[in-house]
Amino acid sequence: MLICRTTGTVVSTVKHERLHGRKLLLVRRSAPDGKAVGDPFVAVDAVGAGEGELVIVAEGSAARELDATRSAPVDATIIGIIDSTAVGGKLRFAKSNEANA
């Protein structure tokens, strides 16, 4: 699983039939503090994430383990929205702090 930040939406009117009705988001791999560290890629949103949120992304065969993505040509699925991260007992990211910033 990866920590990523949603950076935008992807609109595709012509796509595989198993992806119809699924929201696609542009995500970018992030450090535990939420800072971007990777290139953007597309992920299917399975949890109702919004733009700018820190999320958990499953890749590869794990991305197809949900009912919504089973038998779909999916390589990345957003499976969680992060509330906070801590490393070495120190808070690195808190969604509540970000909302107040």
C-alpha atoms as a PDB file:
ATOM      1  CA  MET A   1       0.000   0.000   0.000  1.00  0.00           C
ATOM      2  CA  LEU A   2       1.109   3.541  -0.722  1.00  0.00           C
ATOM      3  CA  ILE A   3       0.508   6.922   0.872  1.00  0.00           C
ATOM      4  CA  CYS A   4      -0.626   9.325  -1.846  1.00  0.00           C
ATOM      5  CA  ARG A   5      -2.156  12.768  -2.216  1.00  0.00           C
ATOM      6  CA  THR A   6      -5.076  13.266  -4.591  1.00  0.00           C
ATOM      7  CA  THR A   7      -4.226  16.076  -6.980  1.00  0.00           C
ATOM      8  CA  GLY A   8      -7.104  16.162  -9.423  1.00  0.00           C
ATOM      9  CA  THR A   9      -9.775  14.270 -11.307  1.00  0.00           C
ATOM     10  CA  VAL A  10      -9.641  12.275 -14.510  1.00  0.00           C
ATOM     11  CA  VAL A  11     -12.652  12.314 -16.843  1.00  0.00           C
ATOM     12  CA  SER A  12     -12.976   9.506 -19.360  1.00  0.00           C
ATOM     13  CA  THR A  13     -16.285   9.024 -21.137  1.00  0.00           C
ATOM     14  CA  VAL A  14     -14.980   6.079 -23.179  1.00  0.00           C
ATOM     15  CA  LYS A  15     -13.568   3.363 -20.916  1.00  0.00           C
ATOM     16  CA  HIS A  16     -13.794  -0.328 -20.072  1.00  0.00           C
ATOM     17  CA  GLU A  17     -17.339  -1.334 -19.086  1.00  0.00           C
ATOM     18  CA  ARG A  18     -16.230  -2.372 -15.547  1.00  0.00           C
ATOM     19  CA  LEU A  19     -15.070   1.225 -14.947  1.00  0.00           C
ATOM     20  CA  HIS A  20     -18.373   2.900 -15.829  1.00  0.00           C
ATOM     21  CA  GLY A  21     -19.712   4.796 -12.825  1.00  0.00           C
ATOM     22  CA  ARG A  22     -16.315   4.779 -11.077  1.00  0.00           C
ATOM     23  CA  LYS A  23     -14.600   8.030 -10.106  1.00  0.00           C
ATOM     24  CA  LEU A  24     -11.012   8.292 -11.301  1.00  0.00           C
ATOM     25  CA  LEU A  25      -8.585  10.520  -9.414  1.00  0.00           C
ATOM     26  CA  LEU A  26      -5.091  11.691 -10.190  1.00  0.00           C
ATOM     27  CA  VAL A  27      -2.819  10.818  -7.251  1.00  0.00           C
ATOM     28  CA  ARG A  28       0.829  11.362  -6.427  1.00  0.00           C
ATOM     29  CA  ARG A  29       2.895   9.268  -4.024  1.00  0.00           C
ATOM     30  CA  SER A  30       3.644  11.157  -0.804  1.00  0.00           C
ATOM     31  CA  ALA A  31       5.859  10.995   2.259  1.00  0.00           C
ATOM     32  CA  PRO A  32       4.191  10.368   5.657  1.00  0.00           C
ATOM     33  CA  ASP A  33       3.992  14.145   6.198  1.00  0.00           C
ATOM     34  CA  GLY A  34       1.985  14.554   2.974  1.00  0.00           C
ATOM     35  CA  LYS A  35       4.736  16.076   0.811  1.00  0.00           C
ATOM     36  CA  ALA A  36       4.768  14.790  -2.773  1.00  0.00           C
ATOM     37  CA  VAL A  37       7.649  12.470  -3.676  1.00  0.00           C
ATOM     38  CA  GLY A  38       6.535  10.735  -6.861  1.00  0.00           C
ATOM     39  CA  ASP A  39       5.015  11.066 -10.289  1.00  0.00           C
ATOM     40  CA  PRO A  40       1.234  11.321 -10.731  1.00  0.00           C
ATOM     41  CA  PHE A  41      -0.871   8.314 -11.725  1.00  0.00           C
ATOM     42  CA  VAL A  42      -4.570   7.428 -11.990  1.00  0.00           C
ATOM     43  CA  ALA A  43      -6.428   5.487  -9.283  1.00  0.00           C
ATOM     44  CA  VAL A  44     -10.031   4.313  -8.974  1.00  0.00           C
ATOM     45  CA  ASP A  45     -11.705   5.915  -5.946  1.00  0.00           C
ATOM     46  CA  ALA A  46     -13.454   3.289  -3.793  1.00  0.00           C
ATOM     47  CA  VAL A  47     -13.998   5.451  -0.682  1.00  0.00           C
ATOM     48  CA  GLY A  48     -15.253   8.874  -1.797  1.00  0.00           C
ATOM     49  CA  ALA A  49     -11.974  10.767  -1.526  1.00  0.00           C
ATOM     50  CA  GLY A  50     -11.810  14.391  -2.560  1.00  0.00           C
ATOM     51  CA  GLU A  51      -9.160  16.460  -4.255  1.00  0.00           C
ATOM     52  CA  GLY A  52      -6.203  17.319  -2.017  1.00  0.00           C
ATOM     53  CA  GLU A  53      -6.703  14.475   0.479  1.00  0.00           C
ATOM     54  CA  LEU A  54      -4.003  12.152   1.782  1.00  0.00           C
ATOM     55  CA  VAL A  55      -5.094   8.598   0.924  1.00  0.00           C
ATOM     56  CA  ILE A  56      -4.042   4.942   1.005  1.00  0.00           C
ATOM     57  CA  VAL A  57      -3.678   3.337  -2.414  1.00  0.00           C
ATOM     58  CA  ALA A  58      -3.527  -0.394  -3.142  1.00  0.00           C
ATOM     59  CA  GLU A  59      -1.676  -1.387  -6.293  1.00  0.00           C
ATOM     60  CA  GLY A  60      -1.512  -4.425  -8.550  1.00  0.00           C
ATOM     61  CA  SER A  61      -3.661  -7.462  -7.830  1.00  0.00           C
ATOM     62  CA  ALA A  62      -4.650  -6.003  -4.413  1.00  0.00           C
ATOM     63  CA  ALA A  63      -6.306  -3.109  -6.259  1.00  0.00           C
ATOM     64  CA  ARG A  64      -8.751  -5.606  -7.791  1.00  0.00           C
ATOM     65  CA  GLU A  65      -9.817  -7.281  -4.532  1.00  0.00           C
ATOM     66  CA  LEU A  66     -12.849  -5.025  -3.930  1.00  0.00           C
ATOM     67  CA  ASP A  67     -16.288  -5.879  -5.273  1.00  0.00           C
ATOM     68  CA  ALA A  68     -16.215  -2.592  -7.197  1.00  0.00           C
ATOM     69  CA  THR A  69     -12.969  -3.440  -8.996  1.00  0.00           C
ATOM     70  CA  ARG A  70     -13.123  -7.233  -9.334  1.00  0.00           C
ATOM     71  CA  SER A  71     -12.467  -8.305 -12.952  1.00  0.00           C
ATOM     72  CA  ALA A  72     -11.715  -4.707 -13.908  1.00  0.00           C
ATOM     73  CA  PRO A  73      -8.486  -3.600 -15.603  1.00  0.00           C
ATOM     74  CA  VAL A  74      -7.342  -1.675 -12.516  1.00  0.00           C
ATOM     75  CA  ASP A  75      -3.796  -1.259 -11.216  1.00  0.00           C
ATOM     76  CA  ALA A  76      -4.428   1.304  -8.429  1.00  0.00           C
ATOM     77  CA  THR A  77      -7.409   1.789  -6.083  1.00  0.00           C
ATOM     78  CA  ILE A  78      -7.902   4.331  -3.308  1.00  0.00           C
ATOM     79  CA  ILE A  79      -8.907   2.218  -0.301  1.00  0.00           C
ATOM     80  CA  GLY A  80      -8.673   4.703   2.581  1.00  0.00           C
ATOM     81  CA  ILE A  81      -8.547   8.375   3.575  1.00  0.00           C
ATOM     82  CA  ILE A  82      -5.793   9.157   6.076  1.00  0.00           C
ATOM     83  CA  ASP A  83      -6.654  11.044   9.271  1.00  0.00           C
ATOM     84  CA  SER A  84      -3.107  11.143  10.656  1.00  0.00           C
ATOM     85  CA  THR A  85       0.365   9.631  10.421  1.00  0.00           C
ATOM     86  CA  ALA A  86       3.080   9.284  13.071  1.00  0.00           C
ATOM     87  CA  VAL A  87       6.698   8.216  12.695  1.00  0.00           C
ATOM     88  CA  GLY A  88       8.800   7.359  15.725  1.00  0.00           C
ATOM     89  CA  GLY A  89       5.982   8.498  17.996  1.00  0.00           C
ATOM     90  CA  LYS A  90       5.918  11.966  16.411  1.00  0.00           C
ATOM     91  CA  LEU A  91       2.878  13.233  14.546  1.00  0.00           C
ATOM     92  CA  ARG A  92       3.824  13.873  10.902  1.00  0.00           C
ATOM     93  CA  PHE A  93       0.401  14.639   9.436  1.00  0.00           C
ATOM     94  CA  ALA A  94      -3.043  15.383  10.867  1.00  0.00           C
ATOM     95  CA  LYS A  95      -6.029  16.011   8.639  1.00  0.00           C
ATOM     96  CA  SER A  96      -7.522  18.281  11.318  1.00  0.00           C
ATOM     97  CA  ASN A  97      -4.366  20.463  11.329  1.00  0.00           C
ATOM     98  CA  GLU A  98      -4.403  20.706   7.541  1.00  0.00           C
ATOM     99  CA  ALA A  99      -8.020  21.899   7.559  1.00  0.00           C
ATOM    100  CA  ASN A 100      -7.059  24.741   9.891  1.00  0.00           C
ATOM    101  CA  ALA A 101      -4.059  25.797   7.791  1.00  0.00           C
END
